[in-house]
Amino acid sequence: MAGIVYFPGAFVTNIWQLVVLRFLLGISIGGIIPVRIAYIRQEAPLSMQGEVLGYNTSLRFLGNIIGPSLGGFLAGFFGFSAVFFVTSALLILSGVIMLIAWYKYEYEGKHSHSLSTNRS
């Protein structure tokens, strides 16, 4: 959803259009950080949770540095619209990768569970 909402930002002609799109973007990605932390707490062993949460925070801040830097380079070389196109493409690509990984996890989990119940 975030990739779809981000894409029209390349075509805005008014600051209020951008404000509305940024609001919709906030709605679409607002839960990512709490969900990611909850997932880490659920899946990581208790003895490693602090370490994994530390990696999570460090990588998030690294992204907060690299993202605007790359955005500035893109805007400088190709114009501001390119930032919206590339960001939208990256968000959509990330979503597709996540859906593929989730599908494989769900399928393999159900498939291996059905094999183990068929054997007993």
Protein backbone atom coordinates (compact mmCIF):
# COMPACT_ATOMS: atom_id res chain seq x y z
CA MET A 1 0.00 0.00 0.00
CA ALA A 2 2.81 2.41 0.84
CA GLY A 3 4.37 1.98 -2.60
CA ILE A 4 1.06 2.76 -4.28
CA VAL A 5 0.44 5.81 -2.09
CA TYR A 6 3.99 7.11 -2.62
CA PHE A 7 3.89 6.95 -6.44
CA PRO A 8 1.50 9.91 -7.07
CA GLY A 9 3.87 12.18 -5.14
CA ALA A 10 5.88 12.51 -8.35
CA PHE A 11 2.96 14.33 -9.98
CA VAL A 12 1.85 16.78 -7.27
CA THR A 13 1.42 20.40 -8.27
CA ASN A 14 0.32 21.76 -4.90
CA ILE A 15 1.74 21.47 -1.39
CA TRP A 16 -1.64 20.29 -0.06
CA GLN A 17 -1.62 17.36 -2.45
CA LEU A 18 1.71 16.31 -0.98
CA VAL A 19 0.40 16.80 2.57
CA VAL A 20 -2.55 14.48 1.85
CA LEU A 21 -0.27 11.87 0.28
CA ARG A 22 2.13 12.02 3.22
CA PHE A 23 -0.82 11.57 5.60
CA LEU A 24 -1.94 8.48 3.65
CA LEU A 25 1.64 7.22 3.66
CA GLY A 26 1.77 7.59 7.43
CA ILE A 27 -1.43 5.57 7.74
CA SER A 28 -0.08 2.84 5.47
CA ILE A 29 3.29 2.39 7.23
CA GLY A 30 2.45 3.56 10.74
CA GLY A 31 2.32 0.09 12.24
CA ILE A 32 5.50 -1.32 10.76
CA ILE A 33 7.81 -0.55 13.68
CA PRO A 34 5.53 -1.87 16.47
CA VAL A 35 4.71 -5.00 14.47
CA ARG A 36 8.38 -5.63 13.75
CA ILE A 37 9.26 -5.28 17.45
CA ALA A 38 6.39 -7.56 18.46
CA TYR A 39 7.54 -10.13 15.90
CA ILE A 40 11.10 -10.01 17.23
CA ARG A 41 9.79 -10.47 20.78
CA GLN A 42 7.71 -13.43 19.64
CA GLU A 43 10.29 -15.25 17.50
CA ALA A 44 13.71 -14.47 19.01
CA PRO A 45 14.82 -16.52 22.01
CA LEU A 46 14.64 -14.54 25.25
CA SER A 47 18.43 -14.59 25.64
CA MET A 48 18.88 -12.94 22.20
CA GLN A 49 16.02 -10.44 22.18
CA GLY A 50 18.13 -7.51 23.34
CA GLU A 51 20.75 -8.19 20.70
CA VAL A 52 18.20 -8.57 17.90
CA LEU A 53 16.32 -5.44 18.98
CA GLY A 54 19.65 -3.59 19.01
CA TYR A 55 20.36 -4.72 15.43
CA ASN A 56 16.85 -3.64 14.49
CA THR A 57 17.33 -0.16 15.91
CA SER A 58 20.83 0.24 14.45
CA LEU A 59 19.70 -0.77 10.97
CA ARG A 60 16.66 1.51 11.17
CA PHE A 61 18.88 4.50 11.98
CA LEU A 62 21.33 3.48 9.26
CA GLY A 63 18.39 3.58 6.86
CA ASN A 64 17.47 7.01 8.21
CA ILE A 65 20.93 8.20 7.13
CA ILE A 66 21.30 6.36 3.83
CA GLY A 67 17.74 7.01 2.59
CA PRO A 68 17.85 10.81 2.56
CA SER A 69 21.39 10.76 1.16
CA LEU A 70 20.37 8.58 -1.76
CA GLY A 71 17.22 10.65 -2.20
CA GLY A 72 19.31 13.79 -2.44
CA PHE A 73 21.55 12.22 -5.08
CA LEU A 74 18.54 11.04 -7.07
CA ALA A 75 16.89 14.45 -6.87
CA GLY A 76 20.12 16.17 -7.89
CA PHE A 77 20.76 13.97 -10.90
CA PHE A 78 17.26 13.07 -12.09
CA GLY A 79 14.86 15.53 -10.43
CA PHE A 80 12.48 15.27 -7.50
CA SER A 81 10.03 13.01 -9.31
CA ALA A 82 12.68 10.29 -9.55
CA VAL A 83 12.79 10.09 -5.75
CA PHE A 84 9.09 9.22 -5.66
CA PHE A 85 9.40 6.69 -8.49
CA VAL A 86 12.38 4.89 -6.97
CA THR A 87 10.96 4.93 -3.43
CA SER A 88 7.63 3.63 -4.68
CA ALA A 89 9.37 0.85 -6.61
CA LEU A 90 11.45 -0.12 -3.56
CA LEU A 91 8.37 -0.21 -1.33
CA ILE A 92 6.44 -2.35 -3.81
CA LEU A 93 9.43 -4.67 -4.29
CA SER A 94 9.76 -5.04 -0.51
CA GLY A 95 6.06 -5.84 -0.23
CA VAL A 96 6.29 -8.48 -2.96
CA ILE A 97 9.32 -10.08 -1.30
CA MET A 98 7.48 -10.08 2.03
CA LEU A 99 4.39 -11.70 0.49
CA ILE A 100 6.50 -14.37 -1.22
CA ALA A 101 8.35 -15.13 2.02
CA TRP A 102 5.08 -15.22 3.97
CA TYR A 103 3.46 -17.51 1.39
CA LYS A 104 6.42 -19.89 1.47
CA TYR A 105 6.42 -19.89 5.27
CA GLU A 106 2.69 -20.59 5.43
CA TYR A 107 2.78 -23.23 2.70
CA GLU A 108 5.82 -25.04 4.07
CA GLY A 109 4.42 -24.90 7.58
CA LYS A 110 1.08 -26.41 6.55
CA HIS A 111 2.73 -28.86 4.17
CA SER A 112 5.19 -30.20 6.73
CA HIS A 113 2.44 -30.30 9.38
CA SER A 114 0.17 -32.33 7.13
CA LEU A 115 3.04 -34.74 6.40
CA SER A 116 3.75 -35.25 10.08
CA THR A 117 0.07 -35.84 10.90
CA ASN A 118 -0.31 -38.26 7.97
CA ARG A 119 2.58 -40.35 9.25
CA SER A 120 1.06 -40.82 12.70
